[in-house]
Amino acid sequence: MKKLLVVCLGLVLAACGEKNSIEGKWIEPVPNMPEIKQGFSLEQGGVAESINMATLQYYAWEVKDNTLILSGKSIGNHQVIEFTEEYEIASIDDDKLILKNGDFVREFTRCTDCE
């Protein structure tokens, strides 16, 4: 019985650790259209994907010294432009991620039901 309790406790702690991780799906309201959400998915192995952004396609991410680095490509007007964005991770908890780049602040919420 003790072994079962230890295993269950370990699983609960592991699940909590994953939720506090930056990995996951993060969304924010589209500027001037708060009913529509956009964002990104940060997956294991540094793979990123855009959420609801057809012309801005993230494909990679990493964290270095409390800085989130997103890489992707901007697609439009018959051209593709590679880009990298860097944001200070100002705050992160189970459900909220705040990123800063100078005075520019982006507030994301964790999305558990995004496709």
N, C-alpha and C. Protein backbone atom coordinates (compact mmCIF):
# COMPACT_ATOMS: atom_id res chain seq x y z
N MET A 1 0.82 -1.20 0.00
CA MET A 1 0.00 0.00 0.00
C MET A 1 0.87 1.26 0.00
N LYS A 2 1.96 1.22 0.77
CA LYS A 2 2.86 2.38 0.82
C LYS A 2 3.45 2.66 -0.56
N LYS A 3 3.82 1.59 -1.28
CA LYS A 3 4.40 1.77 -2.61
C LYS A 3 3.39 2.42 -3.55
N LEU A 4 2.14 2.00 -3.47
CA LEU A 4 1.10 2.59 -4.31
C LEU A 4 0.92 4.07 -4.00
N LEU A 5 0.95 4.42 -2.72
CA LEU A 5 0.82 5.82 -2.32
C LEU A 5 2.00 6.65 -2.83
N VAL A 6 3.20 6.11 -2.75
CA VAL A 6 4.39 6.82 -3.23
C VAL A 6 4.31 7.02 -4.74
N VAL A 7 3.87 5.99 -5.48
CA VAL A 7 3.73 6.10 -6.93
C VAL A 7 2.69 7.15 -7.29
N CYS A 8 1.55 7.13 -6.62
CA CYS A 8 0.48 8.11 -6.88
C CYS A 8 0.97 9.53 -6.57
N LEU A 9 1.65 9.71 -5.46
CA LEU A 9 2.17 11.03 -5.10
C LEU A 9 3.17 11.50 -6.15
N GLY A 10 4.02 10.60 -6.61
CA GLY A 10 4.98 10.95 -7.66
C GLY A 10 4.30 11.39 -8.93
N LEU A 11 3.23 10.71 -9.32
CA LEU A 11 2.49 11.08 -10.53
C LEU A 11 1.84 12.45 -10.37
N VAL A 12 1.29 12.73 -9.21
CA VAL A 12 0.67 14.04 -8.96
C VAL A 12 1.72 15.14 -9.03
N LEU A 13 2.86 14.93 -8.41
CA LEU A 13 3.92 15.94 -8.44
C LEU A 13 4.45 16.13 -9.85
N ALA A 14 4.58 15.08 -10.62
CA ALA A 14 5.06 15.19 -12.00
C ALA A 14 4.06 15.98 -12.82
N ALA A 15 2.79 15.73 -12.64
CA ALA A 15 1.76 16.45 -13.39
C ALA A 15 1.79 17.93 -13.03
N CYS A 16 1.96 18.25 -11.76
CA CYS A 16 2.04 19.65 -11.36
C CYS A 16 3.26 20.32 -11.96
N GLY A 17 4.37 19.61 -11.99
CA GLY A 17 5.58 20.17 -12.57
C GLY A 17 5.39 20.50 -14.03
N GLU A 18 4.68 19.66 -14.76
CA GLU A 18 4.43 19.92 -16.18
C GLU A 18 3.58 21.16 -16.35
N LYS A 19 2.59 21.35 -15.50
CA LYS A 19 1.70 22.49 -15.66
C LYS A 19 2.44 23.81 -15.42
N ASN A 20 3.41 23.80 -14.50
CA ASN A 20 4.18 25.01 -14.22
C ASN A 20 5.22 25.29 -15.29
N SER A 21 5.42 24.36 -16.18
CA SER A 21 6.40 24.50 -17.25
C SER A 21 5.93 25.52 -18.28
N ILE A 22 6.88 26.10 -19.00
CA ILE A 22 6.52 27.01 -20.08
C ILE A 22 5.98 26.23 -21.28
N GLU A 23 6.25 24.92 -21.33
CA GLU A 23 5.70 24.12 -22.40
C GLU A 23 4.17 24.13 -22.30
N GLY A 24 3.55 24.19 -23.45
CA GLY A 24 2.10 24.19 -23.49
C GLY A 24 1.59 25.17 -24.54
N LYS A 25 0.28 25.38 -24.52
CA LYS A 25 -0.36 26.28 -25.47
C LYS A 25 -0.73 27.57 -24.75
N TRP A 26 -0.30 28.68 -25.33
CA TRP A 26 -0.50 30.00 -24.73
C TRP A 26 -1.22 30.91 -25.73
N ILE A 27 -2.28 31.58 -25.25
CA ILE A 27 -3.07 32.45 -26.14
C ILE A 27 -3.26 33.83 -25.52
N GLU A 28 -3.53 34.79 -26.40
CA GLU A 28 -3.81 36.17 -26.02
C GLU A 28 -4.89 36.69 -26.96
N PRO A 29 -5.61 37.74 -26.57
CA PRO A 29 -6.58 38.33 -27.49
C PRO A 29 -5.88 38.99 -28.67
N VAL A 30 -6.49 38.91 -29.85
CA VAL A 30 -5.98 39.62 -31.01
C VAL A 30 -6.23 41.11 -30.77
N PRO A 31 -5.22 41.97 -30.98
CA PRO A 31 -5.42 43.41 -30.75
C PRO A 31 -6.65 43.93 -31.50
N ASN A 32 -7.48 44.68 -30.80
CA ASN A 32 -8.71 45.28 -31.31
C ASN A 32 -9.79 44.27 -31.66
N MET A 33 -9.58 42.99 -31.36
CA MET A 33 -10.60 41.95 -31.55
C MET A 33 -10.52 40.95 -30.40
N PRO A 34 -10.85 41.38 -29.18
CA PRO A 34 -10.63 40.54 -28.01
C PRO A 34 -11.40 39.21 -28.01
N GLU A 35 -12.41 39.09 -28.84
CA GLU A 35 -13.16 37.83 -28.89
C GLU A 35 -12.41 36.74 -29.65
N ILE A 36 -11.36 37.12 -30.39
CA ILE A 36 -10.55 36.17 -31.16
C ILE A 36 -9.20 36.01 -30.44
N LYS A 37 -8.75 34.78 -30.33
CA LYS A 37 -7.49 34.49 -29.63
C LYS A 37 -6.42 34.01 -30.62
N GLN A 38 -5.16 34.31 -30.27
CA GLN A 38 -4.02 33.87 -31.05
C GLN A 38 -2.90 33.52 -30.08
N GLY A 39 -1.89 32.83 -30.56
CA GLY A 39 -0.78 32.52 -29.67
C GLY A 39 0.15 31.49 -30.26
N PHE A 40 0.71 30.66 -29.36
CA PHE A 40 1.67 29.67 -29.81
C PHE A 40 1.64 28.46 -28.89
N SER A 41 2.11 27.36 -29.43
CA SER A 41 2.27 26.13 -28.69
C SER A 41 3.77 25.87 -28.57
N LEU A 42 4.23 25.66 -27.35
CA LEU A 42 5.63 25.35 -27.09
C LEU A 42 5.71 23.89 -26.70
N GLU A 43 6.26 23.07 -27.59
CA GLU A 43 6.28 21.63 -27.39
C GLU A 43 7.67 21.15 -26.99
N GLN A 44 7.72 19.92 -26.48
CA GLN A 44 9.00 19.31 -26.11
C GLN A 44 9.96 19.32 -27.28
N GLY A 45 11.23 19.44 -26.98
CA GLY A 45 12.25 19.39 -28.01
C GLY A 45 12.43 20.69 -28.77
N GLY A 46 11.83 21.78 -28.26
CA GLY A 46 12.01 23.08 -28.89
C GLY A 46 11.16 23.33 -30.12
N VAL A 47 10.10 22.53 -30.30
CA VAL A 47 9.20 22.72 -31.44
C VAL A 47 8.10 23.70 -31.05
N ALA A 48 7.87 24.68 -31.91
CA ALA A 48 6.80 25.67 -31.67
C ALA A 48 5.83 25.64 -32.84
N GLU A 49 4.59 25.98 -32.56
CA GLU A 49 3.57 26.12 -33.60
C GLU A 49 2.70 27.33 -33.27
N SER A 50 2.27 28.02 -34.31
CA SER A 50 1.37 29.16 -34.13
C SER A 50 -0.04 28.66 -33.88
N ILE A 51 -0.80 29.45 -33.14
CA ILE A 51 -2.22 29.19 -32.93
C ILE A 51 -2.99 30.36 -33.52
N ASN A 52 -3.80 30.09 -34.53
CA ASN A 52 -4.67 31.07 -35.17
C ASN A 52 -3.90 32.24 -35.81
N MET A 53 -2.72 31.95 -36.38
CA MET A 53 -1.93 32.97 -37.06
C MET A 53 -1.37 32.35 -38.35
N ALA A 54 -2.10 32.49 -39.44
CA ALA A 54 -1.71 31.84 -40.69
C ALA A 54 -0.47 32.45 -41.32
N THR A 55 -0.26 33.74 -41.16
CA THR A 55 0.87 34.39 -41.84
C THR A 55 2.10 34.54 -40.95
N LEU A 56 1.98 34.19 -39.68
CA LEU A 56 3.11 34.24 -38.75
C LEU A 56 3.26 32.83 -38.19
N GLN A 57 4.23 32.09 -38.70
CA GLN A 57 4.36 30.68 -38.35
C GLN A 57 5.61 30.43 -37.51
N TYR A 58 5.38 30.18 -36.22
CA TYR A 58 6.48 29.80 -35.33
C TYR A 58 6.85 28.34 -35.60
N TYR A 59 8.14 28.02 -35.50
CA TYR A 59 8.54 26.63 -35.66
C TYR A 59 9.55 26.16 -34.60
N ALA A 60 10.15 27.08 -33.84
CA ALA A 60 11.12 26.68 -32.82
C ALA A 60 11.10 27.64 -31.64
N TRP A 61 11.53 27.15 -30.49
CA TRP A 61 11.63 27.97 -29.29
C TRP A 61 12.74 27.44 -28.39
N GLU A 62 13.24 28.32 -27.53
CA GLU A 62 14.17 27.94 -26.48
C GLU A 62 14.15 29.02 -25.41
N VAL A 63 14.60 28.65 -24.23
CA VAL A 63 14.74 29.61 -23.13
C VAL A 63 16.21 29.68 -22.76
N LYS A 64 16.74 30.90 -22.73
CA LYS A 64 18.12 31.16 -22.31
C LYS A 64 18.11 32.33 -21.35
N ASP A 65 18.65 32.12 -20.16
CA ASP A 65 18.77 33.20 -19.18
C ASP A 65 17.47 33.98 -19.01
N ASN A 66 16.37 33.28 -18.77
CA ASN A 66 15.06 33.90 -18.54
C ASN A 66 14.53 34.66 -19.77
N THR A 67 15.03 34.30 -20.94
CA THR A 67 14.56 34.91 -22.18
C THR A 67 13.96 33.82 -23.07
N LEU A 68 12.71 34.04 -23.49
CA LEU A 68 12.07 33.14 -24.45
C LEU A 68 12.44 33.60 -25.85
N ILE A 69 13.00 32.69 -26.63
CA ILE A 69 13.39 32.99 -28.00
C ILE A 69 12.50 32.17 -28.93
N LEU A 70 11.71 32.86 -29.75
CA LEU A 70 10.81 32.23 -30.71
C LEU A 70 11.35 32.45 -32.12
N SER A 71 11.40 31.40 -32.91
CA SER A 71 11.82 31.51 -34.30
C SER A 71 10.67 31.11 -35.20
N GLY A 72 10.60 31.78 -36.35
CA GLY A 72 9.52 31.46 -37.27
C GLY A 72 9.72 32.12 -38.60
N LYS A 73 8.63 32.12 -39.37
CA LYS A 73 8.66 32.79 -40.66
C LYS A 73 7.35 33.55 -40.85
N SER A 74 7.50 34.72 -41.44
CA SER A 74 6.37 35.56 -41.79
C SER A 74 6.08 35.34 -43.27
N ILE A 75 4.83 35.03 -43.56
CA ILE A 75 4.46 34.70 -44.93
C ILE A 75 3.45 35.72 -45.43
N GLY A 76 3.77 36.37 -46.54
CA GLY A 76 2.83 37.34 -47.10
C GLY A 76 3.43 38.04 -48.30
N ASN A 77 2.54 38.57 -49.15
CA ASN A 77 2.97 39.32 -50.34
C ASN A 77 4.01 38.57 -51.16
N HIS A 78 3.79 37.28 -51.33
CA HIS A 78 4.65 36.43 -52.16
C HIS A 78 6.08 36.35 -51.67
N GLN A 79 6.28 36.52 -50.36
CA GLN A 79 7.62 36.38 -49.80
C GLN A 79 7.55 35.73 -48.43
N VAL A 80 8.64 35.09 -48.04
CA VAL A 80 8.76 34.47 -46.74
C VAL A 80 9.98 35.07 -46.05
N ILE A 81 9.78 35.60 -44.85
CA ILE A 81 10.86 36.25 -44.11
C ILE A 81 11.05 35.50 -42.79
N GLU A 82 12.26 34.99 -42.58
CA GLU A 82 12.60 34.33 -41.32
C GLU A 82 12.76 35.40 -40.24
N PHE A 83 12.36 35.07 -39.00
CA PHE A 83 12.50 36.03 -37.90
C PHE A 83 12.78 35.31 -36.60
N THR A 84 13.29 36.06 -35.65
CA THR A 84 13.47 35.60 -34.28
C THR A 84 12.97 36.70 -33.36
N GLU A 85 12.16 36.32 -32.38
CA GLU A 85 11.65 37.26 -31.38
C GLU A 85 12.23 36.85 -30.02
N GLU A 86 12.60 37.83 -29.22
CA GLU A 86 13.11 37.56 -27.88
C GLU A 86 12.29 38.34 -26.86
N TYR A 87 11.88 37.63 -25.81
CA TYR A 87 11.07 38.24 -24.74
C TYR A 87 11.62 37.82 -23.39
N GLU A 88 11.71 38.77 -22.48
CA GLU A 88 12.00 38.46 -21.09
C GLU A 88 10.77 37.77 -20.52
N ILE A 89 10.99 36.70 -19.79
CA ILE A 89 9.87 36.03 -19.11
C ILE A 89 9.67 36.79 -17.80
N ALA A 90 8.72 37.70 -17.79
CA ALA A 90 8.48 38.55 -16.63
C ALA A 90 7.79 37.77 -15.51
N SER A 91 6.91 36.84 -15.90
CA SER A 91 6.16 36.08 -14.91
C SER A 91 5.56 34.84 -15.57
N ILE A 92 5.54 33.76 -14.81
CA ILE A 92 4.86 32.55 -15.29
C ILE A 92 4.31 31.80 -14.08
N ASP A 93 3.08 31.33 -14.21
CA ASP A 93 2.51 30.44 -13.21
C ASP A 93 1.68 29.40 -13.96
N ASP A 94 0.81 28.69 -13.25
CA ASP A 94 0.05 27.61 -13.88
C ASP A 94 -0.74 28.06 -15.10
N ASP A 95 -1.29 29.26 -15.05
CA ASP A 95 -2.23 29.68 -16.08
C ASP A 95 -1.89 30.97 -16.81
N LYS A 96 -0.82 31.65 -16.44
CA LYS A 96 -0.52 32.95 -17.02
C LYS A 96 0.96 33.09 -17.34
N LEU A 97 1.24 33.68 -18.50
CA LEU A 97 2.61 33.94 -18.94
C LEU A 97 2.69 35.39 -19.38
N ILE A 98 3.60 36.15 -18.77
CA ILE A 98 3.79 37.54 -19.14
C ILE A 98 5.17 37.68 -19.75
N LEU A 99 5.21 38.20 -20.98
CA LEU A 99 6.45 38.39 -21.71
C LEU A 99 6.67 39.87 -21.94
N LYS A 100 7.94 40.31 -21.87
CA LYS A 100 8.28 41.72 -22.10
C LYS A 100 9.41 41.84 -23.11
N ASN A 101 9.30 42.86 -23.92
CA ASN A 101 10.38 43.27 -24.82
C ASN A 101 10.43 44.79 -24.71
N GLY A 102 11.33 45.30 -23.86
CA GLY A 102 11.33 46.73 -23.56
C GLY A 102 10.04 47.11 -22.87
N ASP A 103 9.33 48.10 -23.40
CA ASP A 103 8.05 48.53 -22.84
C ASP A 103 6.88 47.71 -23.37
N PHE A 104 7.12 46.85 -24.35
CA PHE A 104 6.06 46.04 -24.96
C PHE A 104 5.80 44.82 -24.08
N VAL A 105 4.55 44.67 -23.60
CA VAL A 105 4.18 43.57 -22.71
C VAL A 105 3.08 42.75 -23.36
N ARG A 106 3.25 41.43 -23.33
CA ARG A 106 2.23 40.51 -23.84
C ARG A 106 1.81 39.59 -22.70
N GLU A 107 0.49 39.46 -22.51
CA GLU A 107 -0.05 38.61 -21.45
C GLU A 107 -0.81 37.45 -22.07
N PHE A 108 -0.36 36.24 -21.78
CA PHE A 108 -0.94 35.03 -22.32
C PHE A 108 -1.60 34.22 -21.22
N THR A 109 -2.61 33.45 -21.59
CA THR A 109 -3.20 32.48 -20.68
C THR A 109 -2.98 31.10 -21.28
N ARG A 110 -2.83 30.12 -20.38
CA ARG A 110 -2.64 28.74 -20.84
C ARG A 110 -3.97 28.25 -21.42
N CYS A 111 -3.89 27.61 -22.54
CA CYS A 111 -5.09 27.09 -23.19
C CYS A 111 -5.06 25.57 -23.09
N THR A 112 -6.04 25.02 -22.42
CA THR A 112 -6.10 23.57 -22.26
C THR A 112 -7.04 22.92 -23.28
N ASP A 113 -7.83 23.72 -23.98
CA ASP A 113 -8.76 23.14 -24.97
C ASP A 113 -8.51 23.66 -26.39
N CYS A 114 -7.29 24.16 -26.65
CA CYS A 114 -6.95 24.61 -28.02
C CYS A 114 -6.72 23.39 -28.89
N GLU A 115 -7.00 23.54 -30.15
CA GLU A 115 -6.76 22.44 -31.09
C GLU A 115 -5.33 22.43 -31.53
